[in-house]
Every structure is written in structure tokens, then in C-alpha cells.
């Protein structure tokens, strides 16, 4: 048998593993974090040049940078599963 046919035959006969019940939750948390991150960078891309044009003597853009960056870091930890509710294992 050619290698292409063997790979197809093996893939067809391999039993599918059951879906991970937490996979949808992981994707949802990651998608929420990515939306938050995109919004953060979009706003900072506007604020930094705005600060440079309007008030170059004072770096006031640092306040929203840090003030929003801290909750963003917490959101990152939540998206990675480092913090949040612990669910009991299935069948326990």
C-alpha cells in the first residue's frame, strides 16, 4: 500500500477521543482575554501619540497604561487557568 492510503486507513480506524468538557470554557476564556488585549493595545496606540502631541512635558499616558495593565494581567492569569474556580473532576 502507498503511504497516503495507509495514513488514511489508520485515521479512519482510530477511535475518536471524547471531547474535553473544559475545552469550550478554555476557549471562551482565551477569546475574552484576546478581545481585552486588543482593546488595550488599540487604546494605548491612540493615547501615547496623543500625549506626545498635546502635552509632551508630562507622561500622563502612563496612568491608564498601568491602571488598565494591572487588571489585564489578572485577566491573563484567569485565561491561563492560574486563578478562578476549581471544578471537581468528572465522576467524582
PDB file of N, CA and C in Angstrom:
ATOM      1  N   UNK A   1       0.822  -1.184   0.000  1.00  0.00           N
ATOM      2  CA  UNK A   1       0.000   0.000   0.000  1.00  0.00           C
ATOM      3  C   UNK A   1       0.870   1.252   0.000  1.00  0.00           C
ATOM      4  N   UNK A   2       0.509   2.262  -0.771  1.00  0.00           N
ATOM      5  CA  UNK A   2       1.253   3.523  -0.709  1.00  0.00           C
ATOM      6  C   UNK A   2       1.050   4.193   0.649  1.00  0.00           C
ATOM      7  N   UNK A   3       2.009   5.033   1.068  1.00  0.00           N
ATOM      8  CA  UNK A   3       1.914   5.664   2.392  1.00  0.00           C
ATOM      9  C   UNK A   3       0.661   6.519   2.575  1.00  0.00           C
ATOM     10  N   UNK A   4       0.181   7.151   1.507  1.00  0.00           N
ATOM     11  CA  UNK A   4      -1.007   8.004   1.638  1.00  0.00           C
ATOM     12  C   UNK A   4      -2.235   7.179   2.033  1.00  0.00           C
ATOM     13  N   UNK A   5      -2.378   6.022   1.431  1.00  0.00           N
ATOM     14  CA  UNK A   5      -3.528   5.174   1.730  1.00  0.00           C
ATOM     15  C   UNK A   5      -3.427   4.618   3.139  1.00  0.00           C
ATOM     16  N   UNK A   6      -2.222   4.283   3.595  1.00  0.00           N
ATOM     17  CA  UNK A   6      -2.034   3.757   4.938  1.00  0.00           C
ATOM     18  C   UNK A   6      -2.434   4.795   5.980  1.00  0.00           C
ATOM     19  N   UNK A   7      -2.032   6.040   5.779  1.00  0.00           N
ATOM     20  CA  UNK A   7      -2.372   7.088   6.729  1.00  0.00           C
ATOM     21  C   UNK A   7      -3.881   7.285   6.802  1.00  0.00           C
ATOM     22  N   UNK A   8      -4.551   7.253   5.648  1.00  0.00           N
ATOM     23  CA  UNK A   8      -5.998   7.408   5.643  1.00  0.00           C
ATOM     24  C   UNK A   8      -6.674   6.244   6.344  1.00  0.00           C
ATOM     25  N   UNK A   9      -6.202   5.040   6.102  1.00  0.00           N
ATOM     26  CA  UNK A   9      -6.795   3.857   6.711  1.00  0.00           C
ATOM     27  C   UNK A   9      -6.623   3.896   8.220  1.00  0.00           C
ATOM     28  N   UNK A  10      -5.452   4.280   8.686  1.00  0.00           N
ATOM     29  CA  UNK A  10      -5.203   4.346  10.126  1.00  0.00           C
ATOM     30  C   UNK A  10      -6.061   5.427  10.780  1.00  0.00           C
ATOM     31  N   UNK A  11      -6.213   6.565  10.111  1.00  0.00           N
ATOM     32  CA  UNK A  11      -7.009   7.650  10.674  1.00  0.00           C
ATOM     33  C   UNK A  11      -8.479   7.264  10.745  1.00  0.00           C
ATOM     34  N   UNK A  12      -8.943   6.509   9.752  1.00  0.00           N
ATOM     35  CA  UNK A  12     -10.345   6.107   9.732  1.00  0.00           C
ATOM     36  C   UNK A  12     -10.651   5.066  10.790  1.00  0.00           C
ATOM     37  N   UNK A  13      -9.706   4.210  11.128  1.00  0.00           N
ATOM     38  CA  UNK A  13      -9.960   3.138  12.085  1.00  0.00           C
ATOM     39  C   UNK A  13      -9.668   3.553  13.521  1.00  0.00           C
ATOM     40  N   UNK A  14      -9.000   4.673  13.720  1.00  0.00           N
ATOM     41  CA  UNK A  14      -8.661   5.121  15.063  1.00  0.00           C
ATOM     42  C   UNK A  14      -9.927   5.653  15.749  1.00  0.00           C
ATOM     43  N   UNK A  15     -10.235   5.175  16.963  1.00  0.00           N
ATOM     44  CA  UNK A  15     -11.431   5.684  17.644  1.00  0.00           C
ATOM     45  C   UNK A  15     -11.212   7.135  18.080  1.00  0.00           C
ATOM     46  N   UNK A  16     -12.288   7.922  17.985  1.00  0.00           N
ATOM     47  CA  UNK A  16     -12.190   9.323  18.388  1.00  0.00           C
ATOM     48  C   UNK A  16     -12.227   9.418  19.905  1.00  0.00           C
ATOM     49  N   UNK A  17     -11.400  10.311  20.444  1.00  0.00           N
ATOM     50  CA  UNK A  17     -11.421  10.507  21.888  1.00  0.00           C
ATOM     51  C   UNK A  17     -12.600  11.405  22.240  1.00  0.00           C
ATOM     52  N   UNK A  18     -13.181  11.217  23.404  1.00  0.00           N
ATOM     53  CA  UNK A  18     -14.313  12.057  23.788  1.00  0.00           C
ATOM     54  C   UNK A  18     -13.850  13.503  23.969  1.00  0.00           C
ATOM     55  N   UNK A  19     -14.706  14.475  23.653  1.00  0.00           N
ATOM     56  CA  UNK A  19     -14.301  15.877  23.786  1.00  0.00           C
ATOM     57  C   UNK A  19     -14.077  16.242  25.252  1.00  0.00           C
ATOM     58  N   UNK A  20     -13.104  17.091  25.476  1.00  0.00           N
ATOM     59  CA  UNK A  20     -12.797  17.555  26.827  1.00  0.00           C
ATOM     60  C   UNK A  20     -13.900  18.515  27.267  1.00  0.00           C
ATOM     61  N   UNK A  21     -14.557  18.254  28.396  1.00  0.00           N
ATOM     62  CA  UNK A  21     -15.664  19.121  28.814  1.00  0.00           C
ATOM     63  C   UNK A  21     -15.217  20.539  29.144  1.00  0.00           C
ATOM     64  N   UNK A  22     -13.956  20.715  29.494  1.00  0.00           N
ATOM     65  CA  UNK A  22     -13.456  22.045  29.847  1.00  0.00           C
ATOM     66  C   UNK A  22     -12.890  22.794  28.646  1.00  0.00           C
ATOM     67  N   UNK A  23     -12.829  22.145  27.493  1.00  0.00           N
ATOM     68  CA  UNK A  23     -12.226  22.763  26.311  1.00  0.00           C
ATOM     69  C   UNK A  23     -12.993  24.009  25.866  1.00  0.00           C
ATOM     70  N   UNK A  24     -14.310  23.941  25.878  1.00  0.00           N
ATOM     71  CA  UNK A  24     -15.116  25.104  25.482  1.00  0.00           C
ATOM     72  C   UNK A  24     -14.899  26.261  26.452  1.00  0.00           C
ATOM     73  N   UNK A  25     -14.788  25.962  27.723  1.00  0.00           N
ATOM     74  CA  UNK A  25     -14.541  27.014  28.719  1.00  0.00           C
ATOM     75  C   UNK A  25     -13.167  27.633  28.527  1.00  0.00           C
ATOM     76  N   UNK A  26     -12.174  26.813  28.222  1.00  0.00           N
ATOM     77  CA  UNK A  26     -10.825  27.331  27.980  1.00  0.00           C
ATOM     78  C   UNK A  26     -10.802  28.253  26.774  1.00  0.00           C
ATOM     79  N   UNK A  27     -11.493  27.854  25.698  1.00  0.00           N
ATOM     80  CA  UNK A  27     -11.554  28.695  24.500  1.00  0.00           C
ATOM     81  C   UNK A  27     -12.273  30.010  24.776  1.00  0.00           C
ATOM     82  N   UNK A  28     -13.346  29.960  25.552  1.00  0.00           N
ATOM     83  CA  UNK A  28     -14.114  31.159  25.884  1.00  0.00           C
ATOM     84  C   UNK A  28     -13.264  32.133  26.695  1.00  0.00           C
ATOM     85  N   UNK A  29     -12.530  31.615  27.675  1.00  0.00           N
ATOM     86  CA  UNK A  29     -11.676  32.487  28.495  1.00  0.00           C
ATOM     87  C   UNK A  29     -10.561  33.096  27.656  1.00  0.00           C
ATOM     88  N   UNK A  30      -9.962  32.318  26.781  1.00  0.00           N
ATOM     89  CA  UNK A  30      -8.884  32.835  25.938  1.00  0.00           C
ATOM     90  C   UNK A  30      -9.413  33.882  24.963  1.00  0.00           C
ATOM     91  N   UNK A  31     -10.581  33.633  24.368  1.00  0.00           N
ATOM     92  CA  UNK A  31     -11.174  34.587  23.442  1.00  0.00           C
ATOM     93  C   UNK A  31     -11.488  35.907  24.147  1.00  0.00           C
ATOM     94  N   UNK A  32     -12.015  35.836  25.376  1.00  0.00           N
ATOM     95  CA  UNK A  32     -12.293  37.040  26.152  1.00  0.00           C
ATOM     96  C   UNK A  32     -11.021  37.814  26.458  1.00  0.00           C
ATOM     97  N   UNK A  33      -9.961  37.102  26.804  1.00  0.00           N
ATOM     98  CA  UNK A  33      -8.693  37.769  27.088  1.00  0.00           C
ATOM     99  C   UNK A  33      -8.122  38.420  25.836  1.00  0.00           C
ATOM    100  N   UNK A  34      -8.189  37.737  24.711  1.00  0.00           N
ATOM    101  CA  UNK A  34      -7.654  38.314  23.477  1.00  0.00           C
ATOM    102  C   UNK A  34      -8.422  39.575  23.072  1.00  0.00           C
ATOM    103  N   UNK A  35      -9.733  39.576  23.263  1.00  0.00           N
ATOM    104  CA  UNK A  35     -10.511  40.786  22.993  1.00  0.00           C
ATOM    105  C   UNK A  35     -10.078  41.928  23.911  1.00  0.00           C
ATOM    106  N   UNK A  36      -9.857  41.615  25.174  1.00  0.00           N
ATOM    107  CA  UNK A  36      -9.406  42.605  26.146  1.00  0.00           C
ATOM    108  C   UNK A  36      -8.024  43.147  25.755  1.00  0.00           C
ATOM    109  N   UNK A  37      -7.142  42.266  25.345  1.00  0.00           N
ATOM    110  CA  UNK A  37      -5.788  42.658  24.948  1.00  0.00           C
ATOM    111  C   UNK A  37      -5.799  43.545  23.705  1.00  0.00           C
ATOM    112  N   UNK A  38      -6.622  43.199  22.739  1.00  0.00           N
ATOM    113  CA  UNK A  38      -6.722  44.010  21.515  1.00  0.00           C
ATOM    114  C   UNK A  38      -7.247  45.399  21.844  1.00  0.00           C
ATOM    115  N   UNK A  39      -8.265  45.475  22.699  1.00  0.00           N
ATOM    116  CA  UNK A  39      -8.810  46.785  23.091  1.00  0.00           C
ATOM    117  C   UNK A  39      -7.753  47.605  23.826  1.00  0.00           C
ATOM    118  N   UNK A  40      -6.990  46.964  24.705  1.00  0.00           N
ATOM    119  CA  UNK A  40      -5.935  47.642  25.459  1.00  0.00           C
ATOM    120  C   UNK A  40      -4.904  48.256  24.512  1.00  0.00           C
ATOM    121  N   UNK A  41      -4.411  47.463  23.580  1.00  0.00           N
ATOM    122  CA  UNK A  41      -3.397  47.976  22.658  1.00  0.00           C
ATOM    123  C   UNK A  41      -3.957  49.040  21.714  1.00  0.00           C
ATOM    124  N   UNK A  42      -5.202  48.877  21.298  1.00  0.00           N
ATOM    125  CA  UNK A  42      -5.805  49.882  20.413  1.00  0.00           C
ATOM    126  C   UNK A  42      -5.896  51.234  21.124  1.00  0.00           C
ATOM    127  N   UNK A  43      -6.297  51.224  22.372  1.00  0.00           N
ATOM    128  CA  UNK A  43      -6.406  52.474  23.126  1.00  0.00           C
ATOM    129  C   UNK A  43      -5.022  53.060  23.390  1.00  0.00           C
ATOM    130  N   UNK A  44      -4.055  52.220  23.736  1.00  0.00           N
ATOM    131  CA  UNK A  44      -2.713  52.733  24.028  1.00  0.00           C
ATOM    132  C   UNK A  44      -2.044  53.303  22.774  1.00  0.00           C
ATOM    133  N   UNK A  45      -2.326  52.728  21.623  1.00  0.00           N
ATOM    134  CA  UNK A  45      -1.776  53.247  20.360  1.00  0.00           C
ATOM    135  C   UNK A  45      -2.291  54.657  20.102  1.00  0.00           C
ATOM    136  N   UNK A  46      -3.477  54.965  20.586  1.00  0.00           N
ATOM    137  CA  UNK A  46      -4.028  56.312  20.435  1.00  0.00           C
ATOM    138  C   UNK A  46      -3.506  57.245  21.536  1.00  0.00           C
ATOM    139  N   UNK A  47      -3.478  56.770  22.769  1.00  0.00           N
ATOM    140  CA  UNK A  47      -3.108  57.634  23.897  1.00  0.00           C
ATOM    141  C   UNK A  47      -1.651  58.088  23.879  1.00  0.00           C
ATOM    142  N   UNK A  48      -0.743  57.223  23.527  1.00  0.00           N
ATOM    143  CA  UNK A  48       0.680  57.588  23.570  1.00  0.00           C
ATOM    144  C   UNK A  48       0.993  58.731  22.589  1.00  0.00           C
ATOM    145  N   UNK A  49       0.609  58.646  21.320  1.00  0.00           N
ATOM    146  CA  UNK A  49       0.863  59.793  20.432  1.00  0.00           C
ATOM    147  C   UNK A  49       0.057  61.031  20.832  1.00  0.00           C
ATOM    148  N   UNK A  50      -1.142  60.830  21.350  1.00  0.00           N
ATOM    149  CA  UNK A  50      -1.954  61.958  21.801  1.00  0.00           C
ATOM    150  C   UNK A  50      -1.244  62.703  22.925  1.00  0.00           C
ATOM    151  N   UNK A  51      -0.655  61.960  23.835  1.00  0.00           N
ATOM    152  CA  UNK A  51       0.113  62.565  24.919  1.00  0.00           C
ATOM    153  C   UNK A  51       1.329  63.312  24.363  1.00  0.00           C
ATOM    154  N   UNK A  52       1.998  62.731  23.397  1.00  0.00           N
ATOM    155  CA  UNK A  52       3.183  63.369  22.821  1.00  0.00           C
ATOM    156  C   UNK A  52       2.834  64.670  22.105  1.00  0.00           C
ATOM    157  N   UNK A  53       1.670  64.740  21.509  1.00  0.00           N
ATOM    158  CA  UNK A  53       1.260  65.942  20.776  1.00  0.00           C
ATOM    159  C   UNK A  53       0.701  67.009  21.717  1.00  0.00           C
ATOM    160  N   UNK A  54      -0.184  66.612  22.618  1.00  0.00           N
ATOM    161  CA  UNK A  54      -0.875  67.588  23.460  1.00  0.00           C
ATOM    162  C   UNK A  54      -0.058  68.073  24.651  1.00  0.00           C
ATOM    163  N   UNK A  55       0.679  67.190  25.271  1.00  0.00           N
ATOM    164  CA  UNK A  55       1.403  67.566  26.493  1.00  0.00           C
ATOM    165  C   UNK A  55       2.732  66.805  26.561  1.00  0.00           C
ATOM    166  N   UNK A  56       3.702  67.160  25.737  1.00  0.00           N
ATOM    167  CA  UNK A  56       4.950  66.392  25.696  1.00  0.00           C
ATOM    168  C   UNK A  56       5.770  66.480  26.990  1.00  0.00           C
ATOM    169  N   UNK A  57       5.508  67.468  27.828  1.00  0.00           N
ATOM    170  CA  UNK A  57       6.275  67.613  29.061  1.00  0.00           C
ATOM    171  C   UNK A  57       5.860  66.646  30.164  1.00  0.00           C
ATOM    172  N   UNK A  58       4.656  66.115  30.083  1.00  0.00           N
ATOM    173  CA  UNK A  58       4.147  65.200  31.108  1.00  0.00           C
ATOM    174  C   UNK A  58       3.745  63.886  30.461  1.00  0.00           C
ATOM    175  N   UNK A  59       4.138  62.810  31.076  1.00  0.00           N
ATOM    176  CA  UNK A  59       3.815  61.485  30.544  1.00  0.00           C
ATOM    177  C   UNK A  59       2.574  60.934  31.252  1.00  0.00           C
ATOM    178  N   UNK A  60       1.414  61.550  31.011  1.00  0.00           N
ATOM    179  CA  UNK A  60       0.194  61.112  31.673  1.00  0.00           C
ATOM    180  C   UNK A  60      -0.357  59.801  31.105  1.00  0.00           C
ATOM    181  N   UNK A  61       0.107  59.384  29.930  1.00  0.00           N
ATOM    182  CA  UNK A  61      -0.381  58.127  29.357  1.00  0.00           C
ATOM    183  C   UNK A  61      -0.011  56.925  30.210  1.00  0.00           C
ATOM    184  N   UNK A  62       0.982  57.108  31.108  1.00  0.00           N
ATOM    185  CA  UNK A  62       1.417  56.002  31.960  1.00  0.00           C
ATOM    186  C   UNK A  62       0.315  55.592  32.940  1.00  0.00           C
ATOM    187  N   UNK A  63      -0.502  56.555  33.370  1.00  0.00           N
ATOM    188  CA  UNK A  63      -1.574  56.224  34.313  1.00  0.00           C
ATOM    189  C   UNK A  63      -2.568  55.217  33.737  1.00  0.00           C
ATOM    190  N   UNK A  64      -3.134  55.462  32.552  1.00  0.00           N
ATOM    191  CA  UNK A  64      -4.018  54.418  32.011  1.00  0.00           C
ATOM    192  C   UNK A  64      -3.257  53.158  31.585  1.00  0.00           C
ATOM    193  N   UNK A  65      -2.004  53.313  31.203  1.00  0.00           N
ATOM    194  CA  UNK A  65      -1.196  52.159  30.817  1.00  0.00           C
ATOM    195  C   UNK A  65      -1.081  51.175  31.972  1.00  0.00           C
ATOM    196  N   UNK A  66      -0.743  51.693  33.153  1.00  0.00           N
ATOM    197  CA  UNK A  66      -0.595  50.846  34.337  1.00  0.00           C
ATOM    198  C   UNK A  66      -1.954  50.509  34.939  1.00  0.00           C
ATOM    199  N   UNK A  67      -2.851  51.510  34.988  1.00  0.00           N
ATOM    200  CA  UNK A  67      -4.160  51.296  35.583  1.00  0.00           C
ATOM    201  C   UNK A  67      -4.995  50.258  34.867  1.00  0.00           C
ATOM    202  N   UNK A  68      -4.832  50.145  33.575  1.00  0.00           N
ATOM    203  CA  UNK A  68      -5.544  49.135  32.804  1.00  0.00           C
ATOM    204  C   UNK A  68      -4.687  47.882  32.653  1.00  0.00           C
ATOM    205  N   UNK A  69      -3.380  48.042  32.715  1.00  0.00           N
ATOM    206  CA  UNK A  69      -2.482  46.895  32.553  1.00  0.00           C
ATOM    207  C   UNK A  69      -2.570  45.908  33.697  1.00  0.00           C
ATOM    208  N   UNK A  70      -2.777  46.407  34.916  1.00  0.00           N
ATOM    209  CA  UNK A  70      -2.876  45.511  36.071  1.00  0.00           C
ATOM    210  C   UNK A  70      -4.092  44.581  35.966  1.00  0.00           C
ATOM    211  N   UNK A  71      -5.291  45.115  35.706  1.00  0.00           N
ATOM    212  CA  UNK A  71      -6.421  44.189  35.519  1.00  0.00           C
ATOM    213  C   UNK A  71      -6.236  43.271  34.306  1.00  0.00           C
ATOM    214  N   UNK A  72      -5.544  43.747  33.298  1.00  0.00           N
ATOM    215  CA  UNK A  72      -5.267  42.908  32.131  1.00  0.00           C
ATOM    216  C   UNK A  72      -4.383  41.724  32.529  1.00  0.00           C
ATOM    217  N   UNK A  73      -3.427  41.966  33.409  1.00  0.00           N
ATOM    218  CA  UNK A  73      -2.567  40.877  33.895  1.00  0.00           C
ATOM    219  C   UNK A  73      -3.379  39.849  34.689  1.00  0.00           C
ATOM    220  N   UNK A  74      -4.335  40.326  35.485  1.00  0.00           N
ATOM    221  CA  UNK A  74      -5.202  39.404  36.222  1.00  0.00           C
ATOM    222  C   UNK A  74      -6.061  38.605  35.246  1.00  0.00           C
ATOM    223  N   UNK A  75      -6.553  39.267  34.204  1.00  0.00           N
ATOM    224  CA  UNK A  75      -7.349  38.579  33.195  1.00  0.00           C
ATOM    225  C   UNK A  75      -6.501  37.517  32.480  1.00  0.00           C
ATOM    226  N   UNK A  76      -5.233  37.823  32.235  1.00  0.00           N
ATOM    227  CA  UNK A  76      -4.337  36.844  31.614  1.00  0.00           C
ATOM    228  C   UNK A  76      -4.185  35.612  32.507  1.00  0.00           C
ATOM    229  N   UNK A  77      -4.025  35.835  33.810  1.00  0.00           N
ATOM    230  CA  UNK A  77      -3.898  34.716  34.742  1.00  0.00           C
ATOM    231  C   UNK A  77      -5.170  33.874  34.751  1.00  0.00           C
ATOM    232  N   UNK A  78      -6.317  34.528  34.685  1.00  0.00           N
ATOM    233  CA  UNK A  78      -7.595  33.805  34.636  1.00  0.00           C
ATOM    234  C   UNK A  78      -7.705  33.002  33.337  1.00  0.00           C
ATOM    235  N   UNK A  79      -7.312  33.613  32.225  1.00  0.00           N
ATOM    236  CA  UNK A  79      -7.397  32.929  30.934  1.00  0.00           C
ATOM    237  C   UNK A  79      -6.479  31.708  30.888  1.00  0.00           C
ATOM    238  N   UNK A  80      -5.356  31.778  31.592  1.00  0.00           N
ATOM    239  CA  UNK A  80      -4.430  30.645  31.619  1.00  0.00           C
ATOM    240  C   UNK A  80      -4.832  29.594  32.650  1.00  0.00           C
ATOM    241  N   UNK A  81      -5.842  29.910  33.453  1.00  0.00           N
ATOM    242  CA  UNK A  81      -6.305  28.953  34.446  1.00  0.00           C
ATOM    243  C   UNK A  81      -5.525  29.003  35.752  1.00  0.00           C
ATOM    244  N   UNK A  82      -4.749  30.054  35.966  1.00  0.00           N
ATOM    245  CA  UNK A  82      -3.982  30.161  37.204  1.00  0.00           C
ATOM    246  C   UNK A  82      -4.850  30.581  38.381  1.00  0.00           C
ATOM    247  N   UNK A  83      -5.922  31.323  38.097  1.00  0.00           N
ATOM    248  CA  UNK A  83      -6.866  31.714  39.139  1.00  0.00           C
ATOM    249  C   UNK A  83      -8.275  31.410  38.646  1.00  0.00           C
ATOM    250  N   UNK A  84      -9.205  31.278  39.558  1.00  0.00           N
ATOM    251  CA  UNK A  84     -10.580  31.005  39.195  1.00  0.00           C
ATOM    252  C   UNK A  84     -11.111  29.816  39.982  1.00  0.00           C
ATOM    253  N   UNK A  85     -12.345  29.490  39.719  1.00  0.00           N
ATOM    254  CA  UNK A  85     -12.969  28.374  40.433  1.00  0.00           C
ATOM    255  C   UNK A  85     -12.355  27.062  39.983  1.00  0.00           C
ATOM    256  N   UNK A  86     -12.122  26.190  40.940  1.00  0.00           N
ATOM    257  CA  UNK A  86     -11.643  24.836  40.639  1.00  0.00           C
ATOM    258  C   UNK A  86     -12.862  23.932  40.560  1.00  0.00           C
ATOM    259  N   UNK A  87     -12.976  23.214  39.467  1.00  0.00           N
ATOM    260  CA  UNK A  87     -14.102  22.310  39.295  1.00  0.00           C
ATOM    261  C   UNK A  87     -13.693  20.902  39.720  1.00  0.00           C
ATOM    262  N   UNK A  88     -14.617  20.196  40.357  1.00  0.00           N
ATOM    263  CA  UNK A  88     -14.274  18.812  40.716  1.00  0.00           C
ATOM    264  C   UNK A  88     -14.159  17.968  39.451  1.00  0.00           C
ATOM    265  N   UNK A  89     -13.318  16.943  39.483  1.00  0.00           N
ATOM    266  CA  UNK A  89     -13.181  16.070  38.310  1.00  0.00           C
ATOM    267  C   UNK A  89     -14.494  15.381  37.987  1.00  0.00           C
ATOM    268  N   UNK A  90     -14.693  15.085  36.719  1.00  0.00           N
ATOM    269  CA  UNK A  90     -15.918  14.408  36.274  1.00  0.00           C
ATOM    270  C   UNK A  90     -16.031  13.051  36.957  1.00  0.00           C
ATOM    271  N   UNK A  91     -17.222  12.716  37.400  1.00  0.00           N
ATOM    272  CA  UNK A  91     -17.474  11.424  38.012  1.00  0.00           C
ATOM    273  C   UNK A  91     -17.080  11.347  39.475  1.00  0.00           C
ATOM    274  N   UNK A  92     -16.672  12.462  40.057  1.00  0.00           N
ATOM    275  CA  UNK A  92     -16.266  12.435  41.472  1.00  0.00           C
ATOM    276  C   UNK A  92     -17.405  12.832  42.368  1.00  0.00           C
TER     277      UNK A  92
END
